Every structure is written in C-alpha cells, then in structure tokens.
C-alpha cells in the first residue's frame, strides 16, 4: 500500500466521522511533510508496516460494511479452530451465536445479497447441531422479517447462555480486545451471557446446558419455575385402595399371572409372525421372574404408593364396577420390575406400508393396534381375531386397502383390520382410551376425530386448530383429551363437547407432542422451539419451562408417581426432569437417532425408549432418582441413568412403546417394504 492510498484512507475516515478540525490539521501536516521531504529527499515508507496498513484499511471502511462482518467473523473462526484441543470445544461454542447475530445485523442494515453470501459461507459449520434453526433463519430476507418473524425477533431480544471455564473466557476476551474488533465485541456484550466456572473445561457431551439458545429469557423461565405445583397422585386411586386392603398377590402368584399373560401374548405373537417376516420379538423371562421377584423388597417395589395425594381439578368420570374389578385384577398380578427383572417384550411390525405409516398406537392390554397413514386412513387390528385367521397373519399396510370395510384383501380372505375413513389429510397421531373402547386420531386436515372400536364408526369431529394437529392423547382417566398443533398451541377437550375447554399458548414453534400427568391436573408439551412446558389444566397457565434440549422434542413420558418426566429429542438425547424444581436430573446418552417413544414401567423403576436407530433401550430409573444431585456434582458424573439392556429390532424403527398394567412391554414399528 503506497503513501497516497494511506492518505486517502485517513481523509475518508475523518470525513465520515465529521472531524473537520482534525481534517484541516491533517492537511496542514501533510503539506509540511511534503515540504520536508522535498528538502531532505527522504520519503517515509509507511507501506512497509503491514499492521498499520491493515488498521487504516479497516478504519476507512464504513462501520455497517458487510465486509467487516465477514472479515471479523472469519478471523474469529480461524482462531477458535486453531486453539488448543483442551479449550477448542468451549471456544467453538461462541461461533454459532456470533454467526447468527452477524447475519441478522447485515440483514437489518439492508445488505440482503451480502447477508446471503455470509450465511452460505459459514452455515456448514453449524448444520449438524442447529439445522432446524438455520432453516428458519434462512427465511429472514428483509429488515421487516426481523420484527415480523417471532423466532428472529426473540433471538435479537434474548441472550444466549454459554458455559465456559475461566481460562477459556480469559483467552477469548484477551483475543477480542487485542484484535480491537468492535463488531464482535458488541455482539458478545449484547447477546451472550458467559457462565464462567472454575477448573478444567467440561466436555459438551457431559453438559446438555453448555449452550442454550433460549426462546424466552432465562429470568422469565426462572420466575415461572418458582410457581408451586402438586405432583402427587389422585386421592382414593385404585392403587391406593389395593395397598390399604393388602390385596397384592404373593410373588409366586404374580409369576403365575405373568405366565398366563405371557401365554396369551405368545398367541398374539404367533399371529403376527406367521410368514417369513419375523416381525415381533418375544423374550420369555418366566423363570427369571420367579427367582428374581422373591429378592425384591416391598418398599422399593411400591414407590408409587409413597407419592403424596392431591385432589382432581377436573370432574372425573365414574368407572364402571366391572372395569374397576378388571383393573384391580391386573394390579394384583403385576410383576415388579427392576434392574434384575426385566420385562417381557412383544414387538409388532408393520410391513408393506411403503413409507405411508405416520403413527401407531397400542391399547393398554395390547389387544388392539392402530396405524395412521398418509392416505388419511386409520386402521385397527384386533389381535384376538387376527390370531384365528389362517394365512392372513401379518400387519399389512397400504397394499391391501379396499374401498369399503367389507372388501377383500390380496390374500383372498377378509380384510385383517378395521378401516376407519373420514379424515381428508394424513393421520399424524392416534391414541386409545384407557378402556380401549374409543380411539382418537389427529390429522393434517386440522381436526381430531373420535372413533368407536365397538361400533367401528366415527362419533365426533373436533374442530378448533387452524393448522395440522401433530399429536393427541387421552387423559389417564378417559373423558378428557389434549391435542398439539402446528399453530403453536395445545388444547384440552372433553369428549362430550365440540369446543376446547382450554387453549395453552406460549411455545415459539410447533407443539409436536404432549403427555398428561398421572393426576390429570397438568399437561406437558414438547415443541420445536427445543423446550418442554408444563401447564395447569385448571388455569391454562404455564407453571414450568424445561430448557436443555438442542433439537425439537419428539416424545414425553410421566413417571407413575408423578414426580419425574422424561423427554426425548430429534438428536437421540433423553433427559430426566424433576417437576418440582424444573431441573434436569440426568441426560441419557445412548441412541444415535430420533427417539420417537418413551414409556415408564407401571411401578416407575424402568424407562423404555424406542428410536429410529432400530433399538429399544431399557434404563434403570431408581438409581438415578435416589442419588442426591450434590453428591453427583462432586463426583463429576452427570450421566446417572444406567442403561440396562439394548434390544435390537431387526432393522425396524420403533414407533410406539407401552407397558401393560401387568408390566408387559408392547412395542410397534414399521418396515418400508417386505424383506
């Protein structure tokens, strides 16, 4: 860079800043310098100093120049990637929020094409961890979008919490000050909140809260989480009555009960495994159960009965006497599971669905299985009937559909399922009532439909959502149900009313899944905004916000005693939460793909998870909830849930999991085509 160019850069900078006196003084100095040079013929070689040239070049550029954003971010990125491995993973955490705000700042200044170039240059660095956020951010194409799009508006108004060790923080701050990068320093100061901890860096895999790009501010979430909740079970429940009367069977009788249920399930299994397609997995553990249940102590087995009791906030339906007796019989014959007594598993596989199966559901006793399809149909298989139909013993998919319920299947026999038609869009969710006499389905047509499994007919069509309904769930007592939608709301309904009783709004993106609390007083919702919220059904208010996931929430499960909740996301991470405090007890790391289903065993000692990685995993919950958090933090071990068993499902992604009242685990999945 020659001297004339340097002079022009300085003049441009002084004019831009409006320093008129300094500009006049600078001109006088230049003239005097020229006179001295003419007299001494000894020119000053400013271009020999590259640092000075670079500084003057950056100062001459306008402050809102996209080139400065590109230059500063690129240098910060190179510095972070070239850091020592011990601190690199912590320093790399800073790049994503800086990238996001650099992009939005360039858009806000009206440089749309430059913003797109910046976005495309560095998006690959963040694609793995933040793909969904990047898809939303890619739609921000004008300054007005920053205000109109709630996602972008919230990011600009909120701070990002980043956990970092003290030495990494000092390295970063020292580098930014030395570089004199005003743009990056401004973004860090305005939009990043560093939570500095002493000692060595913590691996990002060990701490799910290392980076939290939260939708609402952390202060607001903390304020909500101070609200009191009553997580206990309902007064005068069947379990409590059975406990008071001492109606539990001995371990030997329980084993006999499991044997009966196991035999019944074996018949169902044969009905599905008729052809070459070995679609279900049945692992008999009768002998093990007989020896292991005698070793289990009564206090540990009945953790549910120790939960506090609360009054219902909703009027509950009266249970028929015969149904009550049936449930009590199941409870008497329930097998107490533990780390040494694992459940028997019955796995059902849908074949020939040609990627048309969107969801599946299993009734509480495993006698009915439902599938929701992209062609807007809902199909229900009765396992008892299916077991008596020779030559038609596999859960078929789309290739055996017919225009009427009495049509013939390709196997030249009667159709092996009951076909329910009424939706005008893909069916995304289905759920059986506790007694199995009703089934709910939700669809992209924005409606929820109630069907009778006895009459094989549609009874009610519930309209209220404005966009596709992703999930619907019956309450534990029936009568009430809840729906989750793309319109970012969840709604509570009663079967006898066509309008919703409550509308729960607060999520910043789709509400993808939901789950009722065991006492029916609360509903948990999981969203694409990476948070889980707990709602009071009486007031419709949010009483807890759970922050920690890094991708959309796909499934939820409540522990039988109502104290804990498990949530799973698109990345395969499962998190166990304490509802009272709103804190994460432990992350469960093991799956390497989406976790679509979670289920607690009936006494709450085990958690089952089903994933798109074609496995069912069983986790020991009792060890995780007994150890105090303070002791765990001292030992440095944050992953306290022990993986007991991994069950492969023969290349079949797992859609649904359910424990029966007798603690038999039912699972269902689908193959895209017959193999």
Foldseek 3Di string as FASTA:
>chain_A
DFPVVLLVLVLLLCVVVVVVVVNVVSVVVVVVLVVVCVVVVDDDGPVVDVVVVVVSVVSSDDPLDLVLLLVVLVVQVVVLVPDDPQASVQSVLLNVLSLLVSLLSNQLVPVQVSSVVSCVVPVVVCCVQAVVVSVVSVPSRHNVCCVVQLQNVQQQVEAKEAEHEPVSVVVVVVVCVVVVSPSSVVSCVRHYDYDYDYDTDDDCVQALNRIFSARHYPVVQQVLQVDFDQQFAAPPDLVLVCVVVVVADDLVLLLVVVVVLLVVLVLLLCLACVDPCNFKDWDDCSVQLSVPQVVDDPVLQQPLNVTDHDHFPDDFDDDDPVVSVVLNVLLNNARRDALSRAFTEIEAAEFQQLPFWQFKEAAQSRQKIWTWGFQQKIKIAGSVVSSPDPPQRHRYHDQQDDPDQQDAGPSRHGDRIGIAHDDPGTWQEKYAANVRQWMWIWGQSQWIWIAGPVVSYTDDIAHDGPGGWRYKYAANRGQKIKTWFQVQWIFIPGPVDNYTPEIAHDDSGGFRYKDAFNRNQWIWTWAQSQWIWIAGPNVSDTNHIATRGSGTWAEKEAANRRQKIWTWHQQGKIWIAGSSSSDTLAIADDDRGGWREWYAFNSRQWIWIFFLVQKIWIKGVVQSVPDDPVVCVVVVRRHRIDTSDIGGRVNWGWNYWHAHSSGHIYTYTYDSHDD
